[in-house]
Protein backbone atom coordinates (compact mmCIF):
# COMPACT_ATOMS: atom_id res chain seq x y z
CA MET A 1 -23.05 17.13 -23.61
CA PRO A 2 -24.02 15.74 -20.19
CA GLU A 3 -21.71 16.83 -17.35
CA HIS A 4 -21.30 14.99 -14.08
CA ALA A 5 -19.40 16.14 -11.00
CA ALA A 6 -18.73 14.58 -7.65
CA SER A 7 -16.55 15.66 -4.69
CA ALA A 8 -13.24 14.11 -4.59
CA ARG A 9 -11.29 15.91 -1.86
CA PRO A 10 -13.50 18.70 -0.51
CA PRO A 11 -13.14 21.55 -0.76
CA THR A 12 -9.89 21.47 -2.87
CA THR A 13 -10.80 19.11 -5.76
CA GLN A 14 -13.73 18.14 -7.86
CA THR A 15 -14.04 15.58 -10.70
CA SER A 16 -15.85 15.92 -13.87
CA ASP A 17 -16.49 13.34 -16.65
CA LEU A 18 -17.14 14.96 -19.98
CA SER A 19 -18.86 12.78 -22.55
CA TYR A 20 -20.01 13.33 -25.96
CA ARG A 21 -22.51 11.17 -27.89
CA GLU A 22 -23.89 11.71 -31.37
CA CYS A 23 -24.89 9.36 -34.21
CA GLY A 24 -23.38 6.33 -32.62
CA SER A 25 -20.01 7.96 -31.82
CA SER A 26 -18.85 8.69 -28.32
CA ALA A 27 -15.86 10.20 -26.47
CA LEU A 28 -14.82 10.52 -22.85
CA LEU A 29 -12.44 12.79 -21.03
CA PRO A 30 -11.96 12.68 -17.20
CA VAL A 31 -10.98 16.01 -15.64
CA LEU A 32 -10.08 16.92 -12.02
CA GLU A 33 -10.67 20.48 -10.73
CA ILE A 34 -7.99 21.66 -8.40
CA THR A 35 -8.68 24.68 -6.19
CA SER A 36 -5.41 25.92 -4.63
CA ALA A 37 -4.41 29.07 -2.87
CA LEU A 38 -0.98 28.65 -4.48
CA THR A 39 -1.77 27.71 -8.05
CA GLY A 40 -5.32 28.87 -8.36
CA ARG A 41 -8.34 27.03 -9.73
CA ARG A 42 -7.64 24.88 -12.81
CA GLY A 43 -8.69 21.70 -14.53
CA VAL A 44 -6.25 18.88 -15.27
CA SER A 45 -6.78 15.58 -17.18
CA LEU A 46 -5.48 13.99 -15.03
CA PRO A 47 -3.28 15.04 -12.05
CA PHE A 48 -0.28 12.82 -11.15
CA THR A 49 -0.65 10.93 -14.51
CA ASP A 50 1.92 10.86 -17.28
CA SER A 51 -0.57 10.39 -19.92
CA CYS A 52 -4.45 10.57 -20.20
CA GLU A 53 -5.55 10.33 -23.79
CA PRO A 54 -9.16 11.30 -24.50
CA LEU A 55 -11.21 8.29 -25.49
CA GLY A 56 -12.95 8.75 -28.83
CA GLN A 57 -13.91 6.85 -31.96
CA THR A 58 -12.91 9.61 -34.33
CA PRO A 59 -10.79 12.86 -34.19
CA ASP A 60 -13.94 14.86 -34.60
CA ASP A 61 -15.38 13.28 -31.52
CA ILE A 62 -12.25 14.33 -29.52
CA ARG A 63 -12.26 17.77 -30.93
CA SER A 64 -15.90 18.26 -29.76
CA LEU A 65 -15.02 16.89 -26.38
CA VAL A 66 -12.12 19.35 -25.89
CA THR A 67 -14.19 22.21 -27.09
CA ALA A 68 -16.72 21.24 -24.22
CA ALA A 69 -13.94 20.97 -21.79
CA VAL A 70 -12.84 24.64 -22.75
CA ASP A 71 -16.44 25.78 -22.18
CA LEU A 72 -16.44 24.11 -18.83
CA ALA A 73 -13.16 25.82 -17.90
CA HIS A 74 -14.86 29.22 -18.61
CA ARG A 75 -17.98 28.34 -16.67
CA ARG A 76 -15.93 27.11 -13.66
CA HIS A 77 -13.73 30.24 -13.80
CA TRP A 78 -10.52 28.09 -14.10
CA ARG A 79 -7.26 29.78 -14.72
CA ARG A 80 -6.10 27.01 -17.05
CA LEU A 81 -7.05 23.66 -18.52
CA GLU A 82 -4.28 21.09 -18.92
CA LEU A 83 -4.71 18.09 -21.20
CA ARG A 84 -2.08 15.33 -20.86
CA GLY A 85 -3.07 13.72 -24.22
CA GLY A 86 -5.02 14.41 -27.33
CA ALA A 87 -2.52 16.76 -29.02
CA HIS A 88 -2.39 14.42 -32.02
CA VAL A 89 -5.80 15.59 -33.18
CA PHE A 90 -4.74 19.32 -32.91
CA PRO A 91 -1.63 19.54 -35.01
CA GLU A 92 -2.23 23.33 -35.34
CA ARG A 93 -1.87 23.89 -31.60
CA PRO A 94 1.57 24.29 -30.00
CA PRO A 95 2.24 21.70 -27.29
CA ALA A 96 2.49 23.24 -23.84
CA THR A 97 5.26 20.75 -22.84
CA THR A 98 6.83 17.68 -24.54
CA PHE A 99 8.24 14.61 -22.83
CA TYR A 100 9.67 11.30 -24.00
CA GLY A 101 7.48 8.23 -23.51
CA HIS A 102 9.05 4.75 -23.57
CA THR A 103 7.14 1.41 -23.89
CA LEU A 104 8.56 -2.08 -23.87
CA ASP A 105 6.88 -4.95 -25.72
CA LEU A 106 6.64 -7.90 -23.24
CA THR A 107 5.42 -10.41 -25.86
CA PRO A 108 8.85 -11.81 -26.93
CA SER A 109 10.43 -14.68 -25.11
CA GLU A 110 12.51 -14.02 -22.01
CA SER A 111 15.70 -14.72 -23.75
CA VAL A 112 14.85 -12.28 -26.46
CA LEU A 113 13.86 -9.61 -23.94
CA LEU A 114 17.28 -10.05 -22.28
CA LYS A 115 19.18 -10.10 -25.46
CA GLN A 116 17.62 -6.81 -26.85
CA THR A 117 18.97 -4.99 -23.81
CA ASP A 118 22.22 -3.04 -23.97
CA SER A 119 25.35 -5.02 -22.99
CA ALA A 120 25.85 -2.66 -20.14
CA VAL A 121 22.47 -3.65 -18.72
CA ARG A 122 23.22 -7.33 -18.93
CA ARG A 123 26.49 -6.75 -17.06
CA ALA A 124 24.67 -4.76 -14.39
CA ILE A 125 22.22 -7.60 -13.93
CA ARG A 126 24.99 -10.13 -13.53
CA LYS A 127 26.85 -7.88 -11.11
CA ALA A 128 23.80 -7.58 -8.83
CA GLU A 129 23.16 -11.32 -9.00
CA GLN A 130 26.78 -12.08 -8.22
CA ALA A 131 26.68 -9.56 -5.29
CA GLY A 132 23.84 -11.60 -3.75
CA VAL A 133 21.04 -9.13 -4.45
CA THR A 134 17.58 -10.61 -4.18
CA VAL A 135 14.29 -9.29 -5.42
CA GLU A 136 10.78 -9.84 -3.91
CA PHE A 137 7.34 -8.66 -4.91
CA SER A 138 4.71 -7.63 -2.45
CA THR A 139 1.57 -5.63 -2.02
CA SER A 140 1.62 -5.24 1.68
CA LEU A 141 1.57 -1.99 3.71
CA GLU A 142 4.96 -3.01 5.13
CA SER A 143 6.36 -3.10 1.66
CA VAL A 144 4.98 0.30 0.97
CA GLU A 145 6.70 1.57 4.03
CA THR A 146 9.96 0.14 3.01
CA PHE A 147 9.55 1.63 -0.55
CA TYR A 148 8.64 5.02 0.98
CA ARG A 149 11.73 5.17 3.12
CA LEU A 150 13.84 4.73 0.00
CA LEU A 151 11.76 7.08 -2.00
CA ALA A 152 12.21 9.98 0.51
CA TYR A 153 15.91 9.86 0.23
CA THR A 154 15.68 9.52 -3.57
CA ARG A 155 13.45 12.41 -3.99
CA ARG A 156 15.72 14.58 -1.80
CA ARG A 157 18.61 13.61 -3.94
CA HIS A 158 16.80 14.73 -6.96
CA GLY A 159 15.88 18.11 -5.34
CA VAL A 160 12.09 17.52 -4.85
CA PRO A 161 10.06 16.76 -1.71
CA PRO A 162 8.57 13.39 -1.44
CA GLN A 163 4.85 12.83 -1.86
CA PRO A 164 2.87 12.44 1.48
CA PHE A 165 2.95 8.94 2.87
CA ALA A 166 -0.88 8.93 2.89
CA PHE A 167 -0.72 9.00 -0.87
CA PHE A 168 1.00 5.66 -1.05
CA ARG A 169 -0.97 4.20 1.80
CA ASN A 170 -4.10 4.94 -0.24
CA LEU A 171 -2.49 3.26 -3.33
CA GLN A 172 -1.89 0.19 -1.20
CA GLN A 173 -5.41 -0.05 0.07
CA ARG A 174 -7.26 0.87 -3.22
CA ILE A 175 -4.91 -0.47 -5.85
CA LEU A 176 -2.10 -2.79 -4.68
CA ALA A 177 -4.17 -4.90 -2.20
CA PRO A 178 -6.89 -5.46 -4.78
CA GLY A 179 -4.25 -6.82 -7.16
CA GLN A 180 -3.87 -3.88 -9.54
CA GLY A 181 -0.21 -3.25 -8.77
CA THR A 182 2.90 -4.46 -6.90
CA ILE A 183 6.11 -3.26 -5.35
CA ALA A 184 9.44 -4.79 -6.07
CA ILE A 185 12.19 -4.58 -3.42
CA ALA A 186 15.73 -5.45 -3.79
CA ARG A 187 17.75 -6.52 -0.69
CA LEU A 188 21.43 -7.02 0.00
CA ASN A 189 22.17 -9.07 3.06
CA GLY A 190 18.48 -8.49 4.16
CA GLN A 191 18.69 -4.63 3.82
CA PRO A 192 16.44 -2.93 1.27
CA ILE A 193 18.64 -1.03 -1.24
CA ALA A 194 16.25 -0.45 -4.25
CA SER A 195 12.57 -0.54 -4.95
CA ALA A 196 10.01 0.24 -7.59
CA LEU A 197 6.23 0.55 -7.70
CA TYR A 198 4.30 -0.81 -10.70
CA LEU A 199 0.57 -0.32 -11.55
CA PHE A 200 -1.54 -2.59 -13.81
CA ALA A 201 -3.86 -1.35 -16.51
CA GLY A 202 -5.49 -4.25 -18.40
CA LYS A 203 -2.58 -6.13 -20.09
CA SER A 204 -0.16 -3.13 -19.55
CA VAL A 205 2.12 -2.34 -16.63
CA ILE A 206 3.08 1.14 -15.58
CA TYR A 207 6.49 1.71 -14.00
CA LYS A 208 5.30 4.56 -11.76
CA TYR A 209 8.06 5.18 -9.15
CA GLY A 210 11.60 4.02 -8.54
CA ALA A 211 13.80 4.52 -5.49
CA SER A 212 17.31 3.37 -4.23
CA ASP A 213 19.90 3.76 -1.59
CA GLU A 214 22.80 5.62 -3.41
CA ARG A 215 25.27 4.02 -0.91
CA HIS A 216 24.85 0.74 -2.77
CA GLN A 217 24.74 2.08 -6.41
CA GLN A 218 27.77 -0.01 -7.31
CA VAL A 219 25.94 -3.31 -7.08
CA ARG A 220 23.33 -2.11 -9.71
CA ALA A 221 20.23 -3.24 -7.81
CA ASN A 222 18.05 -0.97 -9.83
CA ASN A 223 18.84 -2.94 -12.99
CA LEU A 224 18.03 -6.23 -11.24
CA VAL A 225 14.71 -4.90 -10.01
CA MET A 226 13.74 -3.79 -13.53
CA TRP A 227 14.71 -7.15 -15.05
CA ARG A 228 13.04 -9.26 -12.46
CA ALA A 229 9.91 -7.04 -13.12
CA ILE A 230 10.09 -7.50 -16.90
CA SER A 231 10.56 -11.17 -16.71
CA THR A 232 7.79 -11.71 -14.08
CA PHE A 233 5.28 -9.56 -15.91
CA ALA A 234 5.95 -11.30 -19.20
CA ARG A 235 5.38 -14.69 -17.64
CA GLN A 236 2.15 -13.43 -16.10
CA GLY A 237 0.81 -12.52 -19.57
CA PHE A 238 1.26 -8.80 -19.61
CA THR A 239 1.97 -7.40 -23.03
CA ALA A 240 3.55 -3.98 -22.44
CA LEU A 241 5.56 -2.14 -19.87
CA ASP A 242 5.22 1.68 -19.83
CA PHE A 243 8.32 3.28 -18.43
CA GLY A 244 6.47 6.68 -17.93
CA ARG A 245 7.50 10.12 -19.07
CA THR A 246 11.01 11.57 -19.20
CA SER A 247 11.88 15.21 -19.40
CA LEU A 248 13.72 16.31 -22.51
CA ASP A 249 16.51 17.71 -20.28
CA ASN A 250 17.13 14.33 -18.48
CA PRO A 251 19.37 12.46 -20.89
CA GLY A 252 20.57 9.97 -18.20
CA LEU A 253 17.08 8.71 -17.49
CA ARG A 254 16.31 8.64 -21.17
CA THR A 255 19.40 6.55 -21.81
CA PHE A 256 18.33 4.10 -18.99
CA LYS A 257 14.95 3.64 -20.47
CA LEU A 258 16.22 3.21 -24.02
CA SER A 259 18.73 0.57 -22.79
CA TRP A 260 16.00 -1.86 -22.22
CA GLY A 261 14.92 -2.02 -25.79
CA THR A 262 11.99 0.31 -25.42
CA ARG A 263 10.08 2.24 -28.15
CA GLU A 264 10.43 6.02 -27.86
CA THR A 265 7.59 8.32 -28.65
CA PRO A 266 6.98 12.04 -27.90
CA GLU A 267 4.28 12.90 -25.41
CA HIS A 268 2.70 16.27 -25.81
CA TYR A 269 0.50 18.16 -23.27
CA LEU A 270 -1.86 20.98 -24.22
CA LEU A 271 -2.52 23.96 -21.98
CA TYR A 272 -5.39 26.47 -22.42
CA ASP A 273 -5.13 29.77 -20.71
CA CYS A 274 -8.67 31.07 -19.91
CA LYS A 275 -7.68 34.76 -19.47
CA THR A 276 -6.07 34.99 -22.89
CA ARG A 277 -8.35 32.37 -24.47
CA ARG A 278 -5.22 30.75 -26.15
CA TRP A 279 -3.43 27.51 -26.20
CA ILE A 280 0.03 28.31 -24.68
CA THR A 281 3.44 26.90 -24.10
CA THR A 282 5.21 26.52 -20.79
CA PRO A 283 8.77 25.43 -19.83
CA ASP A 284 9.41 22.00 -18.21
CA ARG A 285 10.21 22.86 -14.59
CA SER A 286 11.57 19.45 -13.61
CA THR A 287 14.71 21.31 -12.38
CA SER A 288 14.82 24.90 -11.38
CA TRP A 289 16.20 27.07 -8.60
CA HIS A 290 14.44 24.96 -6.05
CA THR A 291 16.43 21.90 -6.84
CA PRO A 292 19.60 22.64 -4.85
CA VAL A 293 17.53 24.09 -2.04
CA PHE A 294 15.51 20.81 -1.53
CA GLN A 295 18.61 18.77 -1.92
CA ARG A 296 20.01 20.39 1.24
CA LEU A 297 16.83 20.11 3.37
CA PRO A 298 16.81 17.66 6.36
CA LEU A 299 14.65 14.72 5.56
CA PRO A 300 11.90 15.54 8.12
CA LEU A 301 11.54 18.99 6.77
CA SER A 302 11.48 17.72 3.18
CA ARG A 303 8.67 15.33 4.11
CA LEU A 304 6.75 18.18 5.80
CA LEU A 305 7.08 20.30 2.71
CA GLY A 306 5.82 17.36 0.68
CA ASN A 307 2.78 17.06 2.87
CA LEU A 308 2.03 20.74 2.54
CA LEU A 309 2.80 21.25 -1.29
CA TYR A 310 1.93 18.10 -3.05
CA ARG A 311 -1.82 18.66 -3.19
CA HIS A 312 -1.21 21.95 -4.89
CA ILE A 313 0.99 20.58 -7.69
CA GLY A 314 -1.09 18.07 -9.65
């Protein structure tokens, strides 16, 4: 079981790639160590991802790999080890948290993709088009800045601070600019009113972040952004669009994702507590006491808190 570690953001993070090889079989699990004064030292595979399935040829390979990850957690004196995938090979273990996952098959024709959406979605697309909403795609830093302004307002509306802008600047430099993602921006009379950030992974696209100006919700720009993205990615040869995870207590977002004809699957996380040496469960804290507090914060203070807290969350 070779173990490799390299500094990712000294002194707060460290990456480890766990690999297992035996008799022609192999498995791989990336893990990021987070050292935080607020949340303690822990391992996560992987922070800020909705899903990170271990790579293995057989279930036994993955079980051996996870056992090695638990051993590493004890050696590194982690509080916990969080796995955002791999639960299917451990049916006897309780999921720590469960989410909904939604994936859209992009291989049908454009007419079929549109027909399989709910009628309300098709009406919303027509309404946005009739209102004169346009959609553009870009990978520039300017488009990231436009997206981020909308995102900051959207995150405050949802009761959470926005990620630091540096996070998205790095995404632009390392992922968007090299052609591994794009930003869609909807405009009405030249003014940006909705936006979404998509990342590419092989033949798949990941819908990572969405944002909008609630003052223009009535023109349904979000629906047009998503439809333009779906039709564009399908023409470009992508085969699937991953809509990301959805909390079980967010029926509105779940309905939105299902309305595009997506396939819904459960996404289970595993959480190992090193102190008790047990796999444990934990509540989904997507909404809590902090939600109304953050909704009332001035935007500059919300952004400041995002800069201070985001690296501790993971």
